[in-house]
PDB file of N, CA and C in Angstrom:
ATOM      1  N   MET A   1       0.831  -1.182   0.000  1.00  0.00           N
ATOM      2  CA  MET A   1       0.000   0.000   0.000  1.00  0.00           C
ATOM      3  C   MET A   1       0.875   1.246   0.000  1.00  0.00           C
ATOM      4  N   PHE A   2       0.422   2.317   0.648  1.00  0.00           N
ATOM      5  CA  PHE A   2       1.198   3.547   0.716  1.00  0.00           C
ATOM      6  C   PHE A   2       2.140   3.499   1.915  1.00  0.00           C
ATOM      7  N   PRO A   3       3.364   3.997   1.776  1.00  0.00           N
ATOM      8  CA  PRO A   3       4.291   3.930   2.901  1.00  0.00           C
ATOM      9  C   PRO A   3       3.853   4.812   4.078  1.00  0.00           C
ATOM     10  N   HIS A   4       3.138   5.942   3.830  1.00  0.00           N
ATOM     11  CA  HIS A   4       2.756   6.800   4.948  1.00  0.00           C
ATOM     12  C   HIS A   4       1.568   6.244   5.729  1.00  0.00           C
ATOM     13  N   SER A   5       0.859   5.284   5.198  1.00  0.00           N
ATOM     14  CA  SER A   5      -0.291   4.749   5.926  1.00  0.00           C
ATOM     15  C   SER A   5       0.129   3.871   7.098  1.00  0.00           C
ATOM     16  N   GLN A   6       1.402   3.511   7.172  1.00  0.00           N
ATOM     17  CA  GLN A   6       1.878   2.678   8.274  1.00  0.00           C
ATOM     18  C   GLN A   6       2.248   3.497   9.503  1.00  0.00           C
ATOM     19  N   SER A   7       2.407   4.791   9.343  1.00  0.00           N
ATOM     20  CA  SER A   7       2.787   5.648  10.465  1.00  0.00           C
ATOM     21  C   SER A   7       1.647   6.624  10.779  1.00  0.00           C
ATOM     22  N   PRO A   8       0.994   6.475  11.928  1.00  0.00           N
ATOM     23  CA  PRO A   8      -0.104   7.378  12.276  1.00  0.00           C
ATOM     24  C   PRO A   8       0.329   8.833  12.408  1.00  0.00           C
ATOM     25  N   SER A   9       1.578   9.084  12.790  1.00  0.00           N
ATOM     26  CA  SER A   9       2.021  10.462  12.956  1.00  0.00           C
ATOM     27  C   SER A   9       2.093  11.209  11.627  1.00  0.00           C
ATOM     28  N   ILE A  10       2.215  10.494  10.530  1.00  0.00           N
ATOM     29  CA  ILE A  10       2.212  11.129   9.212  1.00  0.00           C
ATOM     30  C   ILE A  10       0.793  11.190   8.658  1.00  0.00           C
ATOM     31  N   LEU A  11       0.011  10.177   8.900  1.00  0.00           N
ATOM     32  CA  LEU A  11      -1.347  10.114   8.364  1.00  0.00           C
ATOM     33  C   LEU A  11      -2.309  11.042   9.096  1.00  0.00           C
ATOM     34  N   TYR A  12      -2.070  11.299  10.376  1.00  0.00           N
ATOM     35  CA  TYR A  12      -2.968  12.107  11.195  1.00  0.00           C
ATOM     36  C   TYR A  12      -3.203  13.519  10.641  1.00  0.00           C
ATOM     37  N   PRO A  13      -2.168  14.317  10.306  1.00  0.00           N
ATOM     38  CA  PRO A  13      -2.423  15.670   9.793  1.00  0.00           C
ATOM     39  C   PRO A  13      -3.213  15.674   8.480  1.00  0.00           C
ATOM     40  N   TYR A  14      -2.973  14.699   7.612  1.00  0.00           N
ATOM     41  CA  TYR A  14      -3.717  14.635   6.353  1.00  0.00           C
ATOM     42  C   TYR A  14      -5.193  14.338   6.596  1.00  0.00           C
ATOM     43  N   THR A  15      -5.466  13.494   7.572  1.00  0.00           N
ATOM     44  CA  THR A  15      -6.850  13.170   7.904  1.00  0.00           C
ATOM     45  C   THR A  15      -7.559  14.387   8.475  1.00  0.00           C
ATOM     46  N   ILE A  16      -6.913  15.097   9.366  1.00  0.00           N
ATOM     47  CA  ILE A  16      -7.503  16.297   9.953  1.00  0.00           C
ATOM     48  C   ILE A  16      -7.751  17.348   8.880  1.00  0.00           C
ATOM     49  N   LEU A  17      -6.800  17.553   7.987  1.00  0.00           N
ATOM     50  CA  LEU A  17      -6.955  18.533   6.922  1.00  0.00           C
ATOM     51  C   LEU A  17      -8.126  18.178   6.002  1.00  0.00           C
ATOM     52  N   ALA A  18      -8.272  16.908   5.669  1.00  0.00           N
ATOM     53  CA  ALA A  18      -9.392  16.488   4.824  1.00  0.00           C
ATOM     54  C   ALA A  18     -10.724  16.724   5.524  1.00  0.00           C
ATOM     55  N   LEU A  19     -10.803  16.455   6.818  1.00  0.00           N
ATOM     56  CA  LEU A  19     -12.041  16.693   7.565  1.00  0.00           C
ATOM     57  C   LEU A  19     -12.375  18.179   7.649  1.00  0.00           C
ATOM     58  N   ILE A  20     -11.387  19.007   7.862  1.00  0.00           N
ATOM     59  CA  ILE A  20     -11.616  20.449   7.940  1.00  0.00           C
ATOM     60  C   ILE A  20     -12.082  20.994   6.599  1.00  0.00           C
ATOM     61  N   ASN A  21     -11.458  20.564   5.518  1.00  0.00           N
ATOM     62  CA  ASN A  21     -11.876  21.030   4.196  1.00  0.00           C
ATOM     63  C   ASN A  21     -13.291  20.563   3.862  1.00  0.00           C
ATOM     64  N   ALA A  22     -13.643  19.344   4.241  1.00  0.00           N
ATOM     65  CA  ALA A  22     -15.010  18.868   4.027  1.00  0.00           C
ATOM     66  C   ALA A  22     -15.992  19.696   4.841  1.00  0.00           C
ATOM     67  N   GLY A  23     -15.604  20.047   6.061  1.00  0.00           N
ATOM     68  CA  GLY A  23     -16.460  20.879   6.903  1.00  0.00           C
ATOM     69  C   GLY A  23     -16.682  22.253   6.303  1.00  0.00           C
ATOM     70  N   TYR A  24     -15.639  22.860   5.769  1.00  0.00           N
ATOM     71  CA  TYR A  24     -15.795  24.163   5.107  1.00  0.00           C
ATOM     72  C   TYR A  24     -16.722  24.057   3.896  1.00  0.00           C
ATOM     73  N   GLY A  25     -16.631  22.960   3.172  1.00  0.00           N
ATOM     74  CA  GLY A  25     -17.527  22.769   2.023  1.00  0.00           C
ATOM     75  C   GLY A  25     -18.981  22.697   2.447  1.00  0.00           C
ATOM     76  N   PHE A  26     -19.249  21.990   3.542  1.00  0.00           N
ATOM     77  CA  PHE A  26     -20.625  21.920   4.047  1.00  0.00           C
ATOM     78  C   PHE A  26     -21.098  23.269   4.564  1.00  0.00           C
ATOM     79  N   ILE A  27     -20.242  23.979   5.282  1.00  0.00           N
ATOM     80  CA  ILE A  27     -20.625  25.279   5.831  1.00  0.00           C
ATOM     81  C   ILE A  27     -20.941  26.254   4.708  1.00  0.00           C
ATOM     82  N   GLU A  28     -20.091  26.271   3.691  1.00  0.00           N
ATOM     83  CA  GLU A  28     -20.313  27.201   2.588  1.00  0.00           C
ATOM     84  C   GLU A  28     -21.619  26.902   1.870  1.00  0.00           C
ATOM     85  N   ALA A  29     -21.884  25.636   1.618  1.00  0.00           N
ATOM     86  CA  ALA A  29     -23.108  25.272   0.896  1.00  0.00           C
ATOM     87  C   ALA A  29     -24.361  25.595   1.719  1.00  0.00           C
ATOM     88  N   MET A  30     -24.292  25.447   3.035  1.00  0.00           N
ATOM     89  CA  MET A  30     -25.463  25.705   3.873  1.00  0.00           C
ATOM     90  C   MET A  30     -25.665  27.188   4.148  1.00  0.00           C
ATOM     91  N   LEU A  31     -24.597  27.938   4.314  1.00  0.00           N
ATOM     92  CA  LEU A  31     -24.732  29.334   4.709  1.00  0.00           C
ATOM     93  C   LEU A  31     -24.903  30.307   3.548  1.00  0.00           C
ATOM     94  N   GLU A  32     -24.533  29.915   2.350  1.00  0.00           N
ATOM     95  CA  GLU A  32     -24.626  30.837   1.223  1.00  0.00           C
ATOM     96  C   GLU A  32     -26.054  31.332   0.979  1.00  0.00           C
ATOM     97  N   PRO A  33     -27.072  30.454   0.933  1.00  0.00           N
ATOM     98  CA  PRO A  33     -28.429  30.981   0.724  1.00  0.00           C
ATOM     99  C   PRO A  33     -28.898  31.881   1.861  1.00  0.00           C
ATOM    100  N   HIS A  34     -28.525  31.565   3.082  1.00  0.00           N
ATOM    101  CA  HIS A  34     -28.925  32.382   4.231  1.00  0.00           C
ATOM    102  C   HIS A  34     -28.218  33.733   4.210  1.00  0.00           C
ATOM    103  N   ALA A  35     -26.960  33.752   3.809  1.00  0.00           N
ATOM    104  CA  ALA A  35     -26.230  35.017   3.737  1.00  0.00           C
ATOM    105  C   ALA A  35     -26.834  35.926   2.674  1.00  0.00           C
ATOM    106  N   LYS A  36     -27.274  35.336   1.591  1.00  0.00           N
ATOM    107  CA  LYS A  36     -27.898  36.146   0.539  1.00  0.00           C
ATOM    108  C   LYS A  36     -29.262  36.674   0.978  1.00  0.00           C
ATOM    109  N   ALA A  37     -30.074  35.813   1.602  1.00  0.00           N
ATOM    110  CA  ALA A  37     -31.438  36.198   1.960  1.00  0.00           C
ATOM    111  C   ALA A  37     -31.474  37.075   3.213  1.00  0.00           C
ATOM    112  N   ALA A  38     -30.878  36.622   4.278  1.00  0.00           N
ATOM    113  CA  ALA A  38     -30.998  37.325   5.562  1.00  0.00           C
ATOM    114  C   ALA A  38     -30.119  38.570   5.634  1.00  0.00           C
ATOM    115  N   ALA A  39     -28.906  38.475   5.148  1.00  0.00           N
ATOM    116  CA  ALA A  39     -27.984  39.603   5.247  1.00  0.00           C
ATOM    117  C   ALA A  39     -28.002  40.478   4.002  1.00  0.00           C
ATOM    118  N   GLY A  40     -28.660  40.022   2.952  1.00  0.00           N
ATOM    119  CA  GLY A  40     -28.726  40.805   1.720  1.00  0.00           C
ATOM    120  C   GLY A  40     -27.396  40.913   1.004  1.00  0.00           C
ATOM    121  N   MET A  41     -26.560  39.897   1.138  1.00  0.00           N
ATOM    122  CA  MET A  41     -25.240  39.911   0.503  1.00  0.00           C
ATOM    123  C   MET A  41     -25.351  39.513  -0.967  1.00  0.00           C
ATOM    124  N   THR A  42     -24.455  40.046  -1.781  1.00  0.00           N
ATOM    125  CA  THR A  42     -24.376  39.641  -3.172  1.00  0.00           C
ATOM    126  C   THR A  42     -23.489  38.398  -3.279  1.00  0.00           C
ATOM    127  N   GLN A  43     -23.438  37.814  -4.452  1.00  0.00           N
ATOM    128  CA  GLN A  43     -22.604  36.627  -4.666  1.00  0.00           C
ATOM    129  C   GLN A  43     -21.137  36.944  -4.410  1.00  0.00           C
ATOM    130  N   GLY A  44     -20.686  38.112  -4.818  1.00  0.00           N
ATOM    131  CA  GLY A  44     -19.300  38.514  -4.595  1.00  0.00           C
ATOM    132  C   GLY A  44     -18.973  38.692  -3.122  1.00  0.00           C
ATOM    133  N   GLN A  45     -19.896  39.280  -2.359  1.00  0.00           N
ATOM    134  CA  GLN A  45     -19.671  39.458  -0.932  1.00  0.00           C
ATOM    135  C   GLN A  45     -19.623  38.121  -0.195  1.00  0.00           C
ATOM    136  N   VAL A  46     -20.475  37.189  -0.611  1.00  0.00           N
ATOM    137  CA  VAL A  46     -20.450  35.855  -0.007  1.00  0.00           C
ATOM    138  C   VAL A  46     -19.111  35.177  -0.308  1.00  0.00           C
ATOM    139  N   GLY A  47     -18.639  35.302  -1.530  1.00  0.00           N
ATOM    140  CA  GLY A  47     -17.349  34.730  -1.902  1.00  0.00           C
ATOM    141  C   GLY A  47     -16.204  35.320  -1.098  1.00  0.00           C
ATOM    142  N   ILE A  48     -16.235  36.641  -0.904  1.00  0.00           N
ATOM    143  CA  ILE A  48     -15.185  37.299  -0.116  1.00  0.00           C
ATOM    144  C   ILE A  48     -15.244  36.848   1.339  1.00  0.00           C
ATOM    145  N   ALA A  49     -16.447  36.661   1.876  1.00  0.00           N
ATOM    146  CA  ALA A  49     -16.586  36.201   3.261  1.00  0.00           C
ATOM    147  C   ALA A  49     -15.962  34.819   3.445  1.00  0.00           C
ATOM    148  N   PHE A  50     -16.231  33.899   2.521  1.00  0.00           N
ATOM    149  CA  PHE A  50     -15.665  32.563   2.650  1.00  0.00           C
ATOM    150  C   PHE A  50     -14.177  32.536   2.315  1.00  0.00           C
ATOM    151  N   PHE A  51     -13.753  33.412   1.440  1.00  0.00           N
ATOM    152  CA  PHE A  51     -12.320  33.536   1.147  1.00  0.00           C
ATOM    153  C   PHE A  51     -11.578  34.035   2.387  1.00  0.00           C
ATOM    154  N   THR A  52     -12.175  34.991   3.093  1.00  0.00           N
ATOM    155  CA  THR A  52     -11.584  35.507   4.331  1.00  0.00           C
ATOM    156  C   THR A  52     -11.520  34.418   5.390  1.00  0.00           C
ATOM    157  N   MET A  53     -12.573  33.607   5.494  1.00  0.00           N
ATOM    158  CA  MET A  53     -12.583  32.520   6.463  1.00  0.00           C
ATOM    159  C   MET A  53     -11.461  31.511   6.156  1.00  0.00           C
ATOM    160  N   GLY A  54     -11.291  31.154   4.891  1.00  0.00           N
ATOM    161  CA  GLY A  54     -10.224  30.238   4.506  1.00  0.00           C
ATOM    162  C   GLY A  54      -8.846  30.834   4.733  1.00  0.00           C
ATOM    163  N   GLY A  55      -8.688  32.128   4.447  1.00  0.00           N
ATOM    164  CA  GLY A  55      -7.402  32.790   4.671  1.00  0.00           C
ATOM    165  C   GLY A  55      -7.042  32.879   6.137  1.00  0.00           C
ATOM    166  N   SER A  56      -8.050  33.151   6.972  1.00  0.00           N
ATOM    167  CA  SER A  56      -7.768  33.218   8.409  1.00  0.00           C
ATOM    168  C   SER A  56      -7.394  31.843   8.945  1.00  0.00           C
ATOM    169  N   TYR A  57      -8.005  30.788   8.418  1.00  0.00           N
ATOM    170  CA  TYR A  57      -7.608  29.432   8.824  1.00  0.00           C
ATOM    171  C   TYR A  57      -6.165  29.150   8.415  1.00  0.00           C
ATOM    172  N   MET A  58      -5.790  29.559   7.208  1.00  0.00           N
ATOM    173  CA  MET A  58      -4.440  29.304   6.718  1.00  0.00           C
ATOM    174  C   MET A  58      -3.402  30.008   7.589  1.00  0.00           C
ATOM    175  N   VAL A  59      -3.653  31.260   7.931  1.00  0.00           N
ATOM    176  CA  VAL A  59      -2.707  32.018   8.750  1.00  0.00           C
ATOM    177  C   VAL A  59      -2.660  31.454  10.166  1.00  0.00           C
ATOM    178  N   THR A  60      -3.829  31.199  10.747  1.00  0.00           N
ATOM    179  CA  THR A  60      -3.886  30.684  12.111  1.00  0.00           C
ATOM    180  C   THR A  60      -3.217  29.318  12.222  1.00  0.00           C
ATOM    181  N   ALA A  61      -3.473  28.435  11.257  1.00  0.00           N
ATOM    182  CA  ALA A  61      -2.862  27.110  11.290  1.00  0.00           C
ATOM    183  C   ALA A  61      -1.345  27.198  11.169  1.00  0.00           C
ATOM    184  N   SER A  62      -0.857  28.108  10.343  1.00  0.00           N
ATOM    185  CA  SER A  62       0.594  28.268  10.192  1.00  0.00           C
ATOM    186  C   SER A  62       1.234  28.782  11.470  1.00  0.00           C
ATOM    187  N   VAL A  63       0.602  29.774  12.094  1.00  0.00           N
ATOM    188  CA  VAL A  63       1.150  30.339  13.327  1.00  0.00           C
ATOM    189  C   VAL A  63       1.123  29.301  14.445  1.00  0.00           C
ATOM    190  N   LEU A  64       0.001  28.615  14.617  1.00  0.00           N
ATOM    191  CA  LEU A  64      -0.090  27.609  15.670  1.00  0.00           C
ATOM    192  C   LEU A  64       0.855  26.435  15.416  1.00  0.00           C
ATOM    193  N   GLY A  65       1.062  26.081  14.162  1.00  0.00           N
ATOM    194  CA  GLY A  65       2.025  25.031  13.840  1.00  0.00           C
ATOM    195  C   GLY A  65       3.437  25.428  14.212  1.00  0.00           C
ATOM    196  N   GLN A  66       3.786  26.675  13.949  1.00  0.00           N
ATOM    197  CA  GLN A  66       5.126  27.156  14.305  1.00  0.00           C
ATOM    198  C   GLN A  66       5.296  27.222  15.819  1.00  0.00           C
ATOM    199  N   VAL A  67       4.261  27.672  16.526  1.00  0.00           N
ATOM    200  CA  VAL A  67       4.335  27.741  17.988  1.00  0.00           C
ATOM    201  C   VAL A  67       4.474  26.346  18.576  1.00  0.00           C
ATOM    202  N   SER A  68       3.691  25.405  18.085  1.00  0.00           N
ATOM    203  CA  SER A  68       3.766  24.055  18.638  1.00  0.00           C
ATOM    204  C   SER A  68       5.092  23.383  18.295  1.00  0.00           C
ATOM    205  N   ARG A  69       5.702  23.781  17.224  1.00  0.00           N
ATOM    206  CA  ARG A  69       6.999  23.212  16.845  1.00  0.00           C
ATOM    207  C   ARG A  69       8.115  23.721  17.760  1.00  0.00           C
ATOM    208  N   THR A  70       7.977  24.947  18.244  1.00  0.00           N
ATOM    209  CA  THR A  70       9.047  25.527  19.059  1.00  0.00           C
ATOM    210  C   THR A  70       8.911  25.194  20.542  1.00  0.00           C
ATOM    211  N   ARG A  71       7.733  24.765  20.980  1.00  0.00           N
ATOM    212  CA  ARG A  71       7.529  24.423  22.387  1.00  0.00           C
ATOM    213  C   ARG A  71       7.808  22.944  22.619  1.00  0.00           C
ATOM    214  N   ASN A  72       8.188  22.607  23.819  1.00  0.00           N
ATOM    215  CA  ASN A  72       8.368  21.202  24.182  1.00  0.00           C
ATOM    216  C   ASN A  72       7.007  20.602  24.437  1.00  0.00           C
ATOM    217  N   HIS A  73       6.718  19.521  23.786  1.00  0.00           N
ATOM    218  CA  HIS A  73       5.433  18.860  23.983  1.00  0.00           C
ATOM    219  C   HIS A  73       5.597  17.374  23.733  1.00  0.00           C
ATOM    220  N   GLU A  74       4.678  16.630  24.285  1.00  0.00           N
ATOM    221  CA  GLU A  74       4.711  15.184  24.085  1.00  0.00           C
ATOM    222  C   GLU A  74       4.116  14.848  22.730  1.00  0.00           C
ATOM    223  N   ARG A  75       4.555  13.767  22.172  1.00  0.00           N
ATOM    224  CA  ARG A  75       3.986  13.305  20.913  1.00  0.00           C
ATOM    225  C   ARG A  75       2.647  12.646  21.163  1.00  0.00           C
ATOM    226  N   LEU A  76       1.746  12.827  20.211  1.00  0.00           N
ATOM    227  CA  LEU A  76       0.447  12.185  20.333  1.00  0.00           C
ATOM    228  C   LEU A  76       0.548  10.696  20.040  1.00  0.00           C
ATOM    229  N   PHE A  77       1.340  10.381  19.041  1.00  0.00           N
ATOM    230  CA  PHE A  77       1.490   8.978  18.651  1.00  0.00           C
ATOM    231  C   PHE A  77       2.990   8.651  18.656  1.00  0.00           C
ATOM    232  N   GLU A  78       3.320   7.560  19.265  1.00  0.00           N
ATOM    233  CA  GLU A  78       4.714   7.128  19.276  1.00  0.00           C
ATOM    234  C   GLU A  78       4.774   5.695  18.801  1.00  0.00           C
ATOM    235  N   ARG A  79       5.766   5.411  18.018  1.00  0.00           N
ATOM    236  CA  ARG A  79       5.972   4.042  17.551  1.00  0.00           C
ATOM    237  C   ARG A  79       6.733   3.276  18.603  1.00  0.00           C
ATOM    238  N   ASN A  80       6.375   2.059  18.804  1.00  0.00           N
ATOM    239  CA  ASN A  80       7.080   1.208  19.777  1.00  0.00           C
ATOM    240  C   ASN A  80       8.212   0.458  19.105  1.00  0.00           C
TER     241      ASN A  80
END
């Protein structure tokens, strides 16, 4: 199979990223009609709102990743 599927420490971040991206897809599909109707947003404004949400996730994830890399912490998964 794939060599990374044998190590949970490598597979874990990819799984989390896939779940987060799927969640954003569901949120966008559900909130777009409500944003247009209730808030009176145009299609462009809705796009900018979701683009901002994705950009803030990208920046926040990068900063938190760098912070967690520089601090001493225990590993979540360790190979025996």
